Amino acid sequence: MALVELVRCTNSFEAAVIKSALADEGIDSFVFDAEMSWIGGALQARVMVDEDDLDRAKKIVPES
């Protein structure tokens, strides 16, 4: 299992909403760097999925 980044969120709440939507569709996901990464002047959280689930996850989270 190799994890890949699906989307970067501006906060952990947004990441949690996306994680929940993915879980509803049976896709496991993980939130990395929740409000710990200061990239480009903004806190970010990354939602990661298994590379095998990436295409399905992109259909659920279209902005990814």
N, C-alpha and C. Protein backbone atom coordinates (compact mmCIF):
# COMPACT_ATOMS: atom_id res chain seq x y z
N MET A 1 0.84 -1.18 0.00
CA MET A 1 0.00 0.00 0.00
C MET A 1 0.88 1.23 0.00
N ALA A 2 0.75 2.03 -1.04
CA ALA A 2 1.48 3.29 -1.12
C ALA A 2 0.48 4.42 -1.02
N LEU A 3 0.70 5.32 -0.09
CA LEU A 3 -0.19 6.45 0.07
C LEU A 3 0.22 7.59 -0.86
N VAL A 4 -0.79 8.25 -1.42
CA VAL A 4 -0.56 9.41 -2.28
C VAL A 4 -1.47 10.54 -1.80
N GLU A 5 -1.06 11.75 -2.10
CA GLU A 5 -1.83 12.92 -1.68
C GLU A 5 -3.04 13.10 -2.60
N LEU A 6 -4.20 13.17 -1.99
CA LEU A 6 -5.43 13.46 -2.74
C LEU A 6 -5.65 14.96 -2.81
N VAL A 7 -5.55 15.64 -1.67
CA VAL A 7 -5.84 17.07 -1.62
C VAL A 7 -5.16 17.69 -0.40
N ARG A 8 -4.85 18.98 -0.51
CA ARG A 8 -4.38 19.76 0.63
C ARG A 8 -5.51 20.66 1.08
N CYS A 9 -5.74 20.68 2.36
CA CYS A 9 -6.83 21.46 2.93
C CYS A 9 -6.25 22.61 3.75
N THR A 10 -7.03 23.65 3.93
CA THR A 10 -6.56 24.80 4.68
C THR A 10 -6.67 24.60 6.19
N ASN A 11 -7.42 23.57 6.62
CA ASN A 11 -7.53 23.31 8.06
C ASN A 11 -7.95 21.86 8.30
N SER A 12 -7.87 21.44 9.54
CA SER A 12 -8.17 20.05 9.85
C SER A 12 -9.67 19.74 9.75
N PHE A 13 -10.54 20.73 9.93
CA PHE A 13 -11.98 20.50 9.79
C PHE A 13 -12.31 20.11 8.36
N GLU A 14 -11.80 20.86 7.40
CA GLU A 14 -12.03 20.56 5.99
C GLU A 14 -11.52 19.15 5.65
N ALA A 15 -10.34 18.82 6.17
CA ALA A 15 -9.78 17.48 5.94
C ALA A 15 -10.67 16.40 6.53
N ALA A 16 -11.23 16.66 7.71
CA ALA A 16 -12.11 15.68 8.36
C ALA A 16 -13.39 15.46 7.56
N VAL A 17 -13.93 16.52 6.97
CA VAL A 17 -15.14 16.39 6.15
C VAL A 17 -14.85 15.53 4.92
N ILE A 18 -13.71 15.76 4.30
CA ILE A 18 -13.33 14.97 3.13
C ILE A 18 -13.09 13.52 3.52
N LYS A 19 -12.41 13.32 4.64
CA LYS A 19 -12.15 11.96 5.14
C LYS A 19 -13.46 11.22 5.38
N SER A 20 -14.45 11.91 5.93
CA SER A 20 -15.75 11.31 6.18
C SER A 20 -16.47 10.95 4.88
N ALA A 21 -16.41 11.84 3.90
CA ALA A 21 -17.04 11.56 2.60
C ALA A 21 -16.40 10.35 1.94
N LEU A 22 -15.10 10.23 2.05
CA LEU A 22 -14.41 9.08 1.47
C LEU A 22 -14.80 7.79 2.20
N ALA A 23 -14.87 7.87 3.52
CA ALA A 23 -15.25 6.70 4.32
C ALA A 23 -16.65 6.22 3.95
N ASP A 24 -17.57 7.16 3.69
CA ASP A 24 -18.93 6.80 3.29
C ASP A 24 -18.94 5.98 2.01
N GLU A 25 -17.91 6.15 1.17
CA GLU A 25 -17.79 5.40 -0.08
C GLU A 25 -16.86 4.20 0.04
N GLY A 26 -16.43 3.91 1.26
CA GLY A 26 -15.59 2.74 1.49
C GLY A 26 -14.12 2.93 1.18
N ILE A 27 -13.69 4.19 1.13
CA ILE A 27 -12.29 4.48 0.84
C ILE A 27 -11.59 4.91 2.12
N ASP A 28 -10.56 4.19 2.50
CA ASP A 28 -9.76 4.57 3.66
C ASP A 28 -8.89 5.76 3.31
N SER A 29 -8.77 6.70 4.24
CA SER A 29 -7.91 7.85 4.02
C SER A 29 -7.26 8.23 5.34
N PHE A 30 -6.24 9.04 5.23
CA PHE A 30 -5.47 9.47 6.38
C PHE A 30 -5.19 10.95 6.26
N VAL A 31 -5.21 11.66 7.39
CA VAL A 31 -4.90 13.08 7.39
C VAL A 31 -3.50 13.26 7.96
N PHE A 32 -2.63 13.85 7.17
CA PHE A 32 -1.26 14.13 7.58
C PHE A 32 -1.11 15.63 7.82
N ASP A 33 -0.23 15.98 8.72
CA ASP A 33 0.18 17.37 8.96
C ASP A 33 -0.96 18.28 9.39
N ALA A 34 -1.95 17.75 10.05
CA ALA A 34 -3.11 18.57 10.42
C ALA A 34 -2.66 19.78 11.22
N GLU A 35 -2.76 20.94 10.59
CA GLU A 35 -2.43 22.23 11.18
C GLU A 35 -1.02 22.27 11.78
N MET A 36 -0.11 21.51 11.19
CA MET A 36 1.27 21.51 11.66
C MET A 36 2.22 21.99 10.58
N SER A 37 1.77 22.05 9.35
CA SER A 37 2.64 22.40 8.24
C SER A 37 2.36 23.83 7.80
N TRP A 38 3.36 24.67 7.86
CA TRP A 38 3.22 26.07 7.47
C TRP A 38 3.83 26.23 6.09
N ILE A 39 3.00 26.02 5.06
CA ILE A 39 3.48 26.06 3.68
C ILE A 39 2.87 27.28 3.00
N GLY A 40 3.69 28.12 2.44
CA GLY A 40 3.19 29.29 1.74
C GLY A 40 2.40 30.24 2.61
N GLY A 41 2.70 30.28 3.90
CA GLY A 41 2.04 31.21 4.79
C GLY A 41 0.70 30.75 5.30
N ALA A 42 0.34 29.50 5.08
CA ALA A 42 -0.96 28.99 5.56
C ALA A 42 -0.79 27.59 6.13
N LEU A 43 -1.54 27.32 7.17
CA LEU A 43 -1.54 25.98 7.74
C LEU A 43 -2.26 25.05 6.80
N GLN A 44 -1.76 23.84 6.65
CA GLN A 44 -2.38 22.89 5.72
C GLN A 44 -2.42 21.50 6.32
N ALA A 45 -3.39 20.72 5.86
CA ALA A 45 -3.49 19.31 6.20
C ALA A 45 -3.63 18.56 4.87
N ARG A 46 -2.95 17.43 4.77
CA ARG A 46 -3.01 16.65 3.54
C ARG A 46 -3.89 15.43 3.76
N VAL A 47 -4.80 15.17 2.83
CA VAL A 47 -5.61 13.96 2.86
C VAL A 47 -4.95 12.96 1.90
N MET A 48 -4.59 11.82 2.45
CA MET A 48 -3.86 10.80 1.71
C MET A 48 -4.75 9.57 1.52
N VAL A 49 -4.62 8.93 0.36
CA VAL A 49 -5.35 7.69 0.06
C VAL A 49 -4.38 6.69 -0.56
N ASP A 50 -4.78 5.44 -0.57
CA ASP A 50 -4.00 4.41 -1.25
C ASP A 50 -4.00 4.74 -2.74
N GLU A 51 -2.87 4.55 -3.38
CA GLU A 51 -2.78 4.88 -4.81
C GLU A 51 -3.80 4.12 -5.65
N ASP A 52 -4.21 2.95 -5.21
CA ASP A 52 -5.22 2.18 -5.94
C ASP A 52 -6.61 2.81 -5.85
N ASP A 53 -6.84 3.64 -4.84
CA ASP A 53 -8.13 4.30 -4.65
C ASP A 53 -8.16 5.73 -5.18
N LEU A 54 -7.05 6.21 -5.70
CA LEU A 54 -6.94 7.62 -6.07
C LEU A 54 -7.98 8.05 -7.10
N ASP A 55 -8.17 7.29 -8.15
CA ASP A 55 -9.13 7.69 -9.19
C ASP A 55 -10.56 7.77 -8.63
N ARG A 56 -10.96 6.79 -7.83
CA ARG A 56 -12.29 6.82 -7.21
C ARG A 56 -12.42 8.01 -6.27
N ALA A 57 -11.37 8.27 -5.50
CA ALA A 57 -11.40 9.38 -4.53
C ALA A 57 -11.52 10.72 -5.24
N LYS A 58 -10.88 10.87 -6.39
CA LYS A 58 -10.97 12.12 -7.14
C LYS A 58 -12.38 12.38 -7.64
N LYS A 59 -13.16 11.35 -7.86
CA LYS A 59 -14.55 11.53 -8.27
C LYS A 59 -15.42 12.01 -7.12
N ILE A 60 -15.03 11.65 -5.90
CA ILE A 60 -15.76 12.07 -4.70
C ILE A 60 -15.35 13.47 -4.28
N VAL A 61 -14.09 13.78 -4.47
CA VAL A 61 -13.54 15.09 -4.10
C VAL A 61 -13.05 15.75 -5.39
N PRO A 62 -13.94 16.35 -6.15
CA PRO A 62 -13.60 16.83 -7.49
C PRO A 62 -12.52 17.90 -7.54
N GLU A 63 -12.34 18.68 -6.47
CA GLU A 63 -11.32 19.74 -6.51
C GLU A 63 -9.91 19.21 -6.33
N SER A 64 -9.77 17.90 -6.15
CA SER A 64 -8.44 17.32 -5.94
C SER A 64 -7.70 17.15 -7.26
